[in-house]
C-alpha cells in the first residue's frame, strides 16, 4: 500500500481510538488526505462495555464502524491493518501485511494515537522523539 500521488498533504493517523478518531474528524474540512490505520474496523466506547455484558445495552450502542463514522468525509479513508513499526528514515509505516508510505515534510504528518504500552514499545527500541 502506498499513499496517493496527490500534491495534497498526507496525514497518517495510527489508531482509531478517541484521539485518532477525533484527529481524523477534525481534519475533515482541510485540504489534506487523511488515512486512519487501525487493527480493528470499529471504534469501541469501553466505559460502557459492562452494560453490554449485563444486557443493559446492545453492542451497536457502544461500537461504530470506523468507515461509517468517516464515510461523508471525502478526504478520509481507513485501512484495517496492524502497525508493526515506523521507518522514519524511509518514510514508511510498516504494516503486518505491507507498508504505507507518507511524507512528513511541508506540513505532512504522521500522528500516533496509541495506547501507552505501545508507545513504550517504540520508545524501548531507542528511537529519538522530538
N, C-alpha and C. Protein backbone atom coordinates (compact mmCIF):
# COMPACT_ATOMS: atom_id res chain seq x y z
N UNK A 1 0.84 -1.17 0.00
CA UNK A 1 0.00 0.00 0.00
C UNK A 1 0.89 1.23 0.00
N UNK A 2 0.54 2.18 -0.78
CA UNK A 2 1.28 3.43 -0.78
C UNK A 2 0.30 4.58 -0.76
N UNK A 3 0.79 5.73 -0.37
CA UNK A 3 -0.06 6.90 -0.39
C UNK A 3 -0.30 7.31 -1.83
N UNK A 4 -1.34 8.09 -2.06
CA UNK A 4 -1.64 8.52 -3.41
C UNK A 4 -0.59 9.52 -3.88
N UNK A 5 -0.53 9.73 -5.18
CA UNK A 5 0.46 10.62 -5.76
C UNK A 5 0.00 12.07 -5.77
N UNK A 6 -1.00 12.41 -5.04
CA UNK A 6 -1.56 13.75 -4.98
C UNK A 6 -0.56 14.71 -4.35
N UNK A 7 -0.69 15.98 -4.67
CA UNK A 7 0.17 17.01 -4.09
C UNK A 7 -0.35 17.47 -2.73
N UNK A 8 -1.50 17.00 -2.31
CA UNK A 8 -2.06 17.38 -1.02
C UNK A 8 -1.23 16.80 0.11
N UNK A 9 -1.17 17.50 1.23
CA UNK A 9 -0.51 16.92 2.41
C UNK A 9 -1.19 15.61 2.80
N UNK A 10 -0.41 14.65 3.22
CA UNK A 10 -0.94 13.34 3.60
C UNK A 10 -0.72 13.12 5.08
N UNK A 11 -1.80 13.04 5.85
CA UNK A 11 -1.73 12.81 7.29
C UNK A 11 -2.09 11.36 7.55
N UNK A 12 -1.20 10.63 8.24
CA UNK A 12 -1.47 9.25 8.62
C UNK A 12 -1.73 9.23 10.11
N UNK A 13 -2.91 8.77 10.50
CA UNK A 13 -3.28 8.67 11.91
C UNK A 13 -3.25 7.19 12.27
N UNK A 14 -2.44 6.84 13.24
CA UNK A 14 -2.33 5.44 13.66
C UNK A 14 -3.16 5.26 14.92
N UNK A 15 -4.23 4.50 14.80
CA UNK A 15 -5.10 4.21 15.93
C UNK A 15 -6.46 4.87 15.79
N UNK A 16 -7.52 4.08 15.92
CA UNK A 16 -8.88 4.58 15.79
C UNK A 16 -9.60 4.73 17.11
N UNK A 17 -8.86 5.00 18.17
CA UNK A 17 -9.48 5.26 19.47
C UNK A 17 -10.03 6.67 19.53
N UNK A 18 -10.26 7.16 20.74
CA UNK A 18 -10.82 8.50 20.90
C UNK A 18 -9.95 9.56 20.22
N UNK A 19 -8.65 9.52 20.49
CA UNK A 19 -7.74 10.53 19.94
C UNK A 19 -7.61 10.44 18.43
N UNK A 20 -7.44 9.23 17.91
CA UNK A 20 -7.28 9.05 16.47
C UNK A 20 -8.53 9.42 15.69
N UNK A 21 -9.67 9.01 16.20
CA UNK A 21 -10.93 9.33 15.52
C UNK A 21 -11.19 10.83 15.56
N UNK A 22 -10.96 11.46 16.69
CA UNK A 22 -11.16 12.90 16.80
C UNK A 22 -10.20 13.66 15.89
N UNK A 23 -8.96 13.18 15.78
CA UNK A 23 -7.99 13.81 14.89
C UNK A 23 -8.46 13.73 13.45
N UNK A 24 -8.89 12.54 13.01
CA UNK A 24 -9.38 12.38 11.64
C UNK A 24 -10.60 13.26 11.39
N UNK A 25 -11.52 13.32 12.34
CA UNK A 25 -12.71 14.15 12.18
C UNK A 25 -12.37 15.64 12.14
N UNK A 26 -11.38 16.05 12.91
CA UNK A 26 -11.02 17.47 12.93
C UNK A 26 -10.34 17.90 11.63
N UNK A 27 -9.81 16.95 10.88
CA UNK A 27 -9.15 17.26 9.60
C UNK A 27 -10.08 17.11 8.40
N UNK A 28 -11.36 16.84 8.64
CA UNK A 28 -12.29 16.54 7.55
C UNK A 28 -12.53 17.70 6.59
N UNK A 29 -12.40 18.93 7.05
CA UNK A 29 -12.65 20.08 6.19
C UNK A 29 -11.37 20.76 5.71
N UNK A 30 -10.25 20.09 5.89
CA UNK A 30 -8.98 20.65 5.45
C UNK A 30 -8.63 20.13 4.07
N UNK A 31 -7.65 20.75 3.46
CA UNK A 31 -7.22 20.34 2.13
C UNK A 31 -6.04 19.37 2.25
N UNK A 32 -6.29 18.23 2.88
CA UNK A 32 -5.27 17.21 3.01
C UNK A 32 -5.92 15.84 2.92
N UNK A 33 -5.11 14.84 2.64
CA UNK A 33 -5.58 13.46 2.64
C UNK A 33 -5.32 12.87 4.02
N UNK A 34 -6.30 12.17 4.55
CA UNK A 34 -6.18 11.57 5.88
C UNK A 34 -6.35 10.06 5.74
N UNK A 35 -5.40 9.30 6.27
CA UNK A 35 -5.50 7.85 6.30
C UNK A 35 -5.48 7.42 7.76
N UNK A 36 -6.54 6.78 8.21
CA UNK A 36 -6.65 6.26 9.57
C UNK A 36 -6.34 4.77 9.52
N UNK A 37 -5.33 4.34 10.26
CA UNK A 37 -4.92 2.93 10.29
C UNK A 37 -5.22 2.37 11.67
N UNK A 38 -5.97 1.27 11.71
CA UNK A 38 -6.29 0.62 12.98
C UNK A 38 -6.42 -0.88 12.73
N UNK A 39 -6.08 -1.69 13.71
CA UNK A 39 -6.19 -3.14 13.52
C UNK A 39 -7.63 -3.63 13.70
N UNK A 40 -8.50 -2.79 14.25
CA UNK A 40 -9.92 -3.12 14.35
C UNK A 40 -10.68 -2.27 13.34
N UNK A 41 -11.83 -2.73 12.92
CA UNK A 41 -12.62 -1.95 11.96
C UNK A 41 -13.71 -1.15 12.66
N UNK A 42 -13.59 -0.99 13.98
CA UNK A 42 -14.63 -0.28 14.71
C UNK A 42 -14.01 0.54 15.86
N UNK A 43 -14.76 1.55 16.27
CA UNK A 43 -14.41 2.33 17.45
C UNK A 43 -15.30 1.82 18.58
N UNK A 44 -14.71 1.51 19.72
CA UNK A 44 -15.43 0.92 20.85
C UNK A 44 -15.39 1.86 22.05
N UNK A 45 -16.55 2.19 22.59
CA UNK A 45 -16.63 3.01 23.80
C UNK A 45 -16.59 2.06 25.00
N UNK A 46 -15.38 1.77 25.48
CA UNK A 46 -15.17 0.76 26.50
C UNK A 46 -15.79 1.05 27.86
N UNK A 47 -15.95 2.32 28.27
CA UNK A 47 -16.55 2.55 29.59
C UNK A 47 -17.94 1.94 29.76
N UNK A 48 -18.66 1.70 28.66
CA UNK A 48 -20.00 1.10 28.77
C UNK A 48 -20.02 -0.39 28.40
N UNK A 49 -18.86 -1.00 28.29
CA UNK A 49 -18.79 -2.42 27.93
C UNK A 49 -19.51 -3.30 28.95
N UNK A 50 -19.43 -2.95 30.21
CA UNK A 50 -20.12 -3.74 31.24
C UNK A 50 -21.64 -3.71 31.03
N UNK A 51 -22.18 -2.63 30.47
CA UNK A 51 -23.61 -2.54 30.21
C UNK A 51 -24.03 -3.56 29.16
N UNK A 52 -23.19 -3.80 28.18
CA UNK A 52 -23.48 -4.82 27.17
C UNK A 52 -23.40 -6.19 27.80
N UNK A 53 -22.40 -6.41 28.64
CA UNK A 53 -22.22 -7.71 29.30
C UNK A 53 -23.40 -8.07 30.19
N UNK A 54 -24.04 -7.07 30.79
CA UNK A 54 -25.17 -7.33 31.67
C UNK A 54 -26.52 -7.21 30.96
N UNK A 55 -26.48 -6.96 29.66
CA UNK A 55 -27.73 -6.89 28.89
C UNK A 55 -28.43 -5.55 28.92
N UNK A 56 -27.80 -4.53 29.47
CA UNK A 56 -28.41 -3.21 29.55
C UNK A 56 -28.37 -2.44 28.24
N UNK A 57 -27.37 -2.72 27.42
CA UNK A 57 -27.22 -2.05 26.13
C UNK A 57 -26.93 -3.06 25.04
N UNK A 58 -27.27 -2.71 23.83
CA UNK A 58 -26.93 -3.51 22.66
C UNK A 58 -25.49 -3.19 22.26
N UNK A 59 -24.75 -4.16 21.71
CA UNK A 59 -23.38 -3.86 21.26
C UNK A 59 -23.31 -2.70 20.27
N UNK A 60 -24.33 -2.52 19.46
CA UNK A 60 -24.31 -1.43 18.48
C UNK A 60 -24.40 -0.06 19.14
N UNK A 61 -24.78 -0.01 20.43
CA UNK A 61 -24.83 1.27 21.15
C UNK A 61 -23.46 1.77 21.58
N UNK A 62 -22.47 0.88 21.64
CA UNK A 62 -21.15 1.30 22.12
C UNK A 62 -20.05 1.09 21.08
N UNK A 63 -20.38 0.57 19.91
CA UNK A 63 -19.37 0.34 18.87
C UNK A 63 -19.89 0.87 17.54
N UNK A 64 -19.00 1.50 16.78
CA UNK A 64 -19.37 2.03 15.47
C UNK A 64 -18.24 1.74 14.49
N UNK A 65 -18.57 1.24 13.29
CA UNK A 65 -17.53 1.02 12.29
C UNK A 65 -16.83 2.33 11.92
N UNK A 66 -15.50 2.30 11.86
CA UNK A 66 -14.73 3.50 11.54
C UNK A 66 -15.11 4.05 10.16
N UNK A 67 -15.30 3.16 9.20
CA UNK A 67 -15.68 3.62 7.86
C UNK A 67 -17.01 4.35 7.86
N UNK A 68 -17.94 3.90 8.69
CA UNK A 68 -19.24 4.56 8.76
C UNK A 68 -19.12 5.95 9.39
N UNK A 69 -18.29 6.07 10.41
CA UNK A 69 -18.10 7.36 11.05
C UNK A 69 -17.49 8.38 10.08
N UNK A 70 -16.58 7.92 9.23
CA UNK A 70 -15.86 8.82 8.32
C UNK A 70 -16.41 8.83 6.90
N UNK A 71 -17.52 8.15 6.63
CA UNK A 71 -17.99 7.95 5.26
C UNK A 71 -18.33 9.23 4.51
N UNK A 72 -18.77 10.27 5.17
CA UNK A 72 -19.15 11.51 4.50
C UNK A 72 -17.95 12.42 4.22
N UNK A 73 -16.80 12.05 4.69
CA UNK A 73 -15.62 12.90 4.56
C UNK A 73 -14.74 12.35 3.44
N UNK A 74 -14.77 13.02 2.30
CA UNK A 74 -14.11 12.52 1.09
C UNK A 74 -12.60 12.45 1.21
N UNK A 75 -12.01 13.25 2.10
CA UNK A 75 -10.56 13.23 2.23
C UNK A 75 -10.06 12.19 3.24
N UNK A 76 -10.98 11.45 3.87
CA UNK A 76 -10.61 10.46 4.88
C UNK A 76 -10.81 9.05 4.36
N UNK A 77 -9.83 8.20 4.60
CA UNK A 77 -10.00 6.78 4.31
C UNK A 77 -9.45 5.98 5.47
N UNK A 78 -9.92 4.75 5.59
CA UNK A 78 -9.47 3.89 6.68
C UNK A 78 -8.80 2.65 6.11
N UNK A 79 -7.83 2.17 6.84
CA UNK A 79 -7.15 0.92 6.50
C UNK A 79 -7.17 0.05 7.74
N UNK A 80 -7.68 -1.17 7.60
CA UNK A 80 -7.67 -2.11 8.71
C UNK A 80 -6.39 -2.93 8.61
N UNK A 81 -5.44 -2.60 9.47
CA UNK A 81 -4.15 -3.26 9.46
C UNK A 81 -3.48 -3.07 10.81
N UNK A 82 -2.53 -3.94 11.09
CA UNK A 82 -1.75 -3.82 12.32
C UNK A 82 -0.42 -3.17 12.00
N UNK A 83 -0.11 -2.07 12.68
CA UNK A 83 1.16 -1.38 12.50
C UNK A 83 2.20 -2.12 13.34
N UNK A 84 3.28 -2.53 12.70
CA UNK A 84 4.34 -3.24 13.42
C UNK A 84 5.55 -2.38 13.67
N UNK A 85 5.74 -1.34 12.85
CA UNK A 85 6.89 -0.46 13.03
C UNK A 85 6.69 0.80 12.21
N UNK A 86 7.50 1.80 12.48
CA UNK A 86 7.51 3.03 11.70
C UNK A 86 8.95 3.29 11.32
N UNK A 87 9.21 3.38 10.03
CA UNK A 87 10.54 3.65 9.50
C UNK A 87 10.58 5.12 9.09
N UNK A 88 11.02 5.99 10.02
CA UNK A 88 11.04 7.42 9.75
C UNK A 88 12.06 7.79 8.67
N UNK A 89 13.16 7.08 8.62
CA UNK A 89 14.19 7.40 7.64
C UNK A 89 13.69 7.19 6.21
N UNK A 90 12.92 6.13 6.00
CA UNK A 90 12.39 5.84 4.66
C UNK A 90 10.94 6.26 4.49
N UNK A 91 10.39 6.96 5.49
CA UNK A 91 9.04 7.50 5.45
C UNK A 91 7.99 6.42 5.17
N UNK A 92 8.03 5.36 5.95
CA UNK A 92 7.08 4.26 5.77
C UNK A 92 6.51 3.81 7.11
N UNK A 93 5.23 3.48 7.09
CA UNK A 93 4.59 2.81 8.21
C UNK A 93 4.55 1.34 7.83
N UNK A 94 5.20 0.51 8.61
CA UNK A 94 5.28 -0.91 8.31
C UNK A 94 4.06 -1.60 8.92
N UNK A 95 3.31 -2.26 8.07
CA UNK A 95 2.11 -2.99 8.50
C UNK A 95 2.41 -4.47 8.51
N UNK A 96 1.58 -5.25 9.18
CA UNK A 96 1.77 -6.70 9.23
C UNK A 96 1.68 -7.32 7.84
N UNK A 97 0.93 -6.68 6.94
CA UNK A 97 0.73 -7.24 5.60
C UNK A 97 1.14 -6.28 4.48
N UNK A 98 2.07 -5.38 4.75
CA UNK A 98 2.52 -4.45 3.72
C UNK A 98 3.09 -3.19 4.36
N UNK A 99 3.06 -2.11 3.60
CA UNK A 99 3.57 -0.85 4.12
C UNK A 99 2.80 0.31 3.52
N UNK A 100 2.86 1.41 4.20
CA UNK A 100 2.17 2.62 3.78
C UNK A 100 3.19 3.75 3.78
N UNK A 101 3.36 4.39 2.64
CA UNK A 101 4.32 5.47 2.54
C UNK A 101 3.67 6.79 2.93
N UNK A 102 4.46 7.66 3.51
CA UNK A 102 3.99 9.00 3.86
C UNK A 102 5.14 9.96 3.71
N UNK A 103 4.83 11.23 3.68
CA UNK A 103 5.86 12.26 3.62
C UNK A 103 5.56 13.24 4.73
N UNK A 104 6.48 13.45 5.63
CA UNK A 104 6.21 14.31 6.77
C UNK A 104 6.84 15.70 6.63
N UNK A 105 7.28 16.06 5.44
CA UNK A 105 7.81 17.40 5.20
C UNK A 105 6.70 18.32 4.70
N UNK A 106 6.90 19.61 4.84
CA UNK A 106 5.95 20.62 4.37
C UNK A 106 4.54 20.37 4.90
N UNK A 107 4.41 20.30 6.20
CA UNK A 107 3.14 20.13 6.89
C UNK A 107 2.52 18.76 6.72
N UNK A 108 3.25 17.82 6.18
CA UNK A 108 2.76 16.44 6.15
C UNK A 108 3.03 15.87 7.53
N UNK A 109 2.22 14.92 7.95
CA UNK A 109 2.37 14.48 9.33
C UNK A 109 2.07 13.01 9.50
N UNK A 110 2.65 12.45 10.50
CA UNK A 110 2.35 11.10 10.95
C UNK A 110 1.93 11.23 12.40
N UNK A 111 0.70 10.89 12.69
CA UNK A 111 0.17 11.08 14.04
C UNK A 111 -0.05 9.75 14.73
N UNK A 112 0.49 9.62 15.93
CA UNK A 112 0.31 8.42 16.71
C UNK A 112 -0.80 8.65 17.72
N UNK A 113 -1.79 7.80 17.70
CA UNK A 113 -2.84 7.82 18.72
C UNK A 113 -2.88 6.40 19.30
N UNK A 114 -1.88 6.09 20.08
CA UNK A 114 -1.68 4.73 20.55
C UNK A 114 -1.84 4.62 22.06
N UNK A 115 -2.04 3.42 22.50
CA UNK A 115 -2.05 3.14 23.94
C UNK A 115 -0.65 3.32 24.50
N UNK A 116 -0.57 3.61 25.77
CA UNK A 116 0.72 3.86 26.40
C UNK A 116 1.67 2.67 26.27
N UNK A 117 1.15 1.46 26.35
CA UNK A 117 2.02 0.29 26.26
C UNK A 117 2.68 0.19 24.89
N UNK A 118 1.97 0.57 23.85
CA UNK A 118 2.55 0.53 22.50
C UNK A 118 3.58 1.64 22.36
N UNK A 119 3.29 2.82 22.92
CA UNK A 119 4.26 3.92 22.88
C UNK A 119 5.55 3.50 23.58
N UNK A 120 5.42 2.84 24.71
CA UNK A 120 6.60 2.39 25.43
C UNK A 120 7.38 1.38 24.62
N UNK A 121 6.70 0.57 23.82
CA UNK A 121 7.39 -0.40 22.96
C UNK A 121 8.26 0.34 21.96
N UNK A 122 7.72 1.40 21.32
CA UNK A 122 8.51 2.16 20.37
C UNK A 122 9.65 2.88 21.06
N UNK A 123 9.40 3.44 22.24
CA UNK A 123 10.46 4.13 22.97
C UNK A 123 11.54 3.15 23.41
N UNK A 124 11.14 1.93 23.70
CA UNK A 124 12.09 0.92 24.11
C UNK A 124 13.07 0.52 23.03
N UNK A 125 12.73 0.81 21.78
CA UNK A 125 13.64 0.50 20.67
C UNK A 125 14.74 1.55 20.51
N UNK A 126 14.73 2.54 21.40
CA UNK A 126 15.79 3.54 21.36
C UNK A 126 15.56 4.63 20.34
N UNK A 127 14.35 4.84 19.90
CA UNK A 127 14.06 5.89 18.92
C UNK A 127 14.13 7.25 19.59
N UNK A 128 14.64 8.24 18.88
CA UNK A 128 14.64 9.60 19.38
C UNK A 128 13.37 10.29 18.97
N UNK A 129 12.70 10.95 19.90
CA UNK A 129 11.48 11.68 19.61
C UNK A 129 11.71 13.15 19.91
N UNK A 130 11.28 14.00 19.00
CA UNK A 130 11.45 15.44 19.21
C UNK A 130 10.12 16.09 19.35
